[in-house]
Protein backbone atom coordinates (compact mmCIF):
# COMPACT_ATOMS: atom_id res chain seq x y z
CA UNK A 1 122.40 3.47 -80.68
CA UNK A 2 124.65 6.15 -79.19
CA UNK A 3 123.16 5.42 -75.77
CA UNK A 4 123.86 1.70 -76.17
CA UNK A 5 127.47 2.38 -77.18
CA UNK A 6 127.92 4.80 -74.28
CA UNK A 7 126.54 2.21 -71.84
CA UNK A 8 128.81 -0.47 -73.34
CA UNK A 9 131.90 1.72 -72.92
CA UNK A 10 130.81 2.67 -69.38
CA UNK A 11 130.42 -1.02 -68.53
CA UNK A 12 133.94 -1.73 -69.78
CA UNK A 13 135.40 1.20 -67.89
CA UNK A 14 133.77 0.07 -64.65
CA UNK A 15 135.14 -3.47 -64.96
CA UNK A 16 138.54 -2.49 -66.28
CA UNK A 17 141.56 -2.45 -64.03
CA UNK A 18 143.59 0.35 -65.56
CA UNK A 19 146.83 -1.14 -66.86
CA UNK A 20 150.16 0.43 -66.09
CA UNK A 21 152.69 0.23 -68.86
CA UNK A 22 155.60 -0.26 -66.44
CA UNK A 23 154.22 -2.08 -63.41
CA UNK A 24 153.01 -5.31 -64.95
CA UNK A 25 149.46 -4.79 -63.69
CA UNK A 26 147.10 -7.38 -65.16
CA UNK A 27 145.09 -4.92 -67.24
CA UNK A 28 141.58 -5.79 -68.30
CA UNK A 29 140.39 -9.08 -66.74
CA UNK A 30 139.87 -12.04 -69.08
CA UNK A 31 136.16 -12.15 -68.19
CA UNK A 32 135.74 -8.62 -69.55
CA UNK A 33 137.76 -9.32 -72.70
CA UNK A 34 135.59 -12.38 -73.32
CA UNK A 35 132.55 -10.07 -73.45
CA UNK A 36 134.06 -8.07 -76.31
CA UNK A 37 133.70 -9.12 -79.93
CA UNK A 38 136.33 -11.65 -81.02
CA UNK A 39 139.65 -9.91 -81.63
CA UNK A 40 141.36 -9.54 -84.98
CA UNK A 41 144.46 -11.71 -84.69
CA UNK A 42 147.64 -10.91 -86.56
CA UNK A 43 151.33 -11.73 -86.47
CA UNK A 44 153.35 -8.51 -86.48
CA UNK A 45 156.95 -7.53 -85.94
CA UNK A 46 158.03 -4.72 -83.63
CA UNK A 47 158.91 -2.73 -86.74
CA UNK A 48 155.36 -3.24 -88.09
CA UNK A 49 153.79 -2.29 -84.74
CA UNK A 50 155.78 0.94 -84.76
CA UNK A 51 154.40 1.81 -88.20
CA UNK A 52 150.77 1.40 -87.09
CA UNK A 53 148.57 4.17 -85.71
CA UNK A 54 148.50 2.87 -82.14
CA UNK A 55 148.10 4.96 -78.99
CA UNK A 56 151.06 3.49 -77.12
CA UNK A 57 153.97 1.28 -78.03
CA UNK A 58 157.01 0.99 -75.78
CA UNK A 59 160.14 2.37 -77.41
CA UNK A 60 163.73 1.24 -77.18
CA UNK A 61 164.81 4.30 -75.18
CA UNK A 62 162.57 3.39 -72.20
CA UNK A 63 165.09 0.88 -70.82
CA UNK A 64 167.06 3.38 -68.74
CA UNK A 65 163.87 4.66 -67.08
CA UNK A 66 162.61 1.23 -65.97
CA UNK A 67 162.91 -0.04 -62.44
CA UNK A 68 165.43 -2.82 -61.91
CA UNK A 69 162.77 -5.47 -61.22
CA UNK A 70 161.23 -4.85 -64.65
CA UNK A 71 164.60 -4.95 -66.34
CA UNK A 72 165.20 -8.29 -64.58
CA UNK A 73 161.82 -9.58 -65.75
CA UNK A 74 162.63 -8.56 -69.32
CA UNK A 75 166.01 -10.31 -69.11
CA UNK A 76 164.23 -13.47 -67.89
CA UNK A 77 161.75 -13.24 -70.77
CA UNK A 78 164.67 -12.78 -73.16
CA UNK A 79 166.49 -15.90 -71.93
CA UNK A 80 163.31 -17.96 -72.20
CA UNK A 81 162.62 -16.62 -75.70
CA UNK A 82 166.15 -17.41 -76.85
CA UNK A 83 165.63 -21.02 -75.77
CA UNK A 84 162.01 -21.51 -76.88
CA UNK A 85 161.42 -18.94 -79.63
CA UNK A 86 158.56 -16.51 -80.03
CA UNK A 87 155.93 -19.06 -81.11
CA UNK A 88 154.93 -19.80 -77.49
CA UNK A 89 154.32 -16.15 -76.64
CA UNK A 90 150.80 -15.16 -75.72
CA UNK A 91 149.39 -12.39 -77.93
CA UNK A 92 150.19 -8.76 -77.32
CA UNK A 93 146.74 -7.27 -76.67
CA UNK A 94 145.30 -3.98 -77.85
CA UNK A 95 141.88 -2.56 -77.02
CA UNK A 96 140.73 0.23 -79.35
CA UNK A 97 144.32 0.48 -80.65
CA UNK A 98 145.75 1.07 -77.16
CA UNK A 99 148.28 -1.37 -75.74
CA UNK A 100 146.53 -3.34 -72.99
CA UNK A 101 148.97 -6.20 -72.35
CA UNK A 102 152.39 -7.01 -73.77
CA UNK A 103 154.65 -4.07 -73.02
CA UNK A 104 157.26 -6.30 -71.40
CA UNK A 105 157.31 -8.56 -74.46
CA UNK A 106 157.85 -5.57 -76.72
CA UNK A 107 160.62 -4.25 -74.47
CA UNK A 108 162.14 -7.74 -74.43
CA UNK A 109 162.48 -7.68 -78.22
CA UNK A 110 164.30 -4.34 -77.98
CA UNK A 111 166.55 -5.83 -75.29
CA UNK A 112 167.36 -8.83 -77.50
CA UNK A 113 168.06 -6.50 -80.40
CA UNK A 114 170.56 -4.57 -78.26
CA UNK A 115 172.25 -7.85 -77.27
CA UNK A 116 172.38 -9.11 -80.87
CA UNK A 117 172.11 -5.98 -83.05
CA UNK A 118 171.53 -7.70 -86.38
CA UNK A 119 167.89 -6.51 -86.55
CA UNK A 120 166.34 -9.98 -86.61
CA UNK A 121 164.61 -9.64 -83.24
CA UNK A 122 162.68 -6.58 -84.40
CA UNK A 123 161.54 -8.51 -87.50
CA UNK A 124 160.20 -11.61 -85.71
CA UNK A 125 156.43 -11.92 -86.08
CA UNK A 126 154.70 -11.82 -82.70
CA UNK A 127 151.08 -12.76 -82.08
CA UNK A 128 148.84 -9.74 -81.54
CA UNK A 129 145.12 -9.51 -80.74
CA UNK A 130 143.18 -6.35 -81.51
CA UNK A 131 139.95 -5.97 -79.53
CA UNK A 132 137.40 -3.25 -80.11
CA UNK A 133 134.63 -1.83 -77.96
CA UNK A 134 132.81 -0.66 -81.08
CA UNK A 135 129.78 -2.71 -82.01
CA UNK A 136 129.65 -4.06 -85.57
CA UNK A 137 125.89 -4.04 -86.00
CA UNK A 138 125.91 -5.66 -89.44
CA UNK A 139 127.98 -8.58 -88.21
CA UNK A 140 125.80 -8.98 -85.11
CA UNK A 141 122.66 -8.85 -87.23
CA UNK A 142 123.91 -11.79 -89.28
CA UNK A 143 124.55 -13.85 -86.14
CA UNK A 144 121.93 -12.65 -83.72
CA UNK A 145 118.35 -11.57 -84.35
CA UNK A 146 118.23 -9.90 -80.91
CA UNK A 147 121.06 -7.59 -81.98
CA UNK A 148 119.03 -6.58 -85.00
CA UNK A 149 116.09 -5.73 -82.72
CA UNK A 150 118.38 -3.70 -80.43
CA UNK A 151 119.60 -1.75 -83.43
CA UNK A 152 116.06 -1.08 -84.58
CA UNK A 153 114.93 0.07 -81.12
CA UNK A 154 118.01 2.29 -80.75
CA UNK A 155 117.46 3.85 -84.18
CA UNK A 156 113.81 4.50 -83.31
CA UNK A 157 114.80 6.07 -80.00
CA UNK A 158 117.31 8.37 -81.72
CA UNK A 159 114.77 9.29 -84.36
CA UNK A 160 112.16 10.13 -81.69
CA UNK A 161 114.72 12.17 -79.73
CA UNK A 162 115.64 14.25 -82.77
CA UNK A 163 111.99 15.06 -83.56
């Protein structure tokens, strides 16, 4: 099973375009995300995201270190959000609890909070999708007999290796 998990993670690493938290790079392609198990979807505020054990969340003090083009993009997002609300936002994406896509949206909420410092922007619930590269064998076994066979073969291989 360890070998299968290692191969799965290697596959993801090979297909992944490493995201940059400040350049707006596209991150992991949709085709790769579609190969992962369905994400856990939640609606969370910036304050709630900051309380979670996540590997990276943009913080309010990053504004002064951003390039002007990203500040401009965040201002544009902010104007659009003021007009249309947060309900149309695509989910902020995490893979194995690491921010994969959505840093500009998080920074935009900080920007709006600085413009209107009543705290409401940091309490708005934003859509978030949490993907994992871990395989839930029990869930797969319920849905897919082949997954059960893979688990059995992997367990047998591990058992034989240990002997």
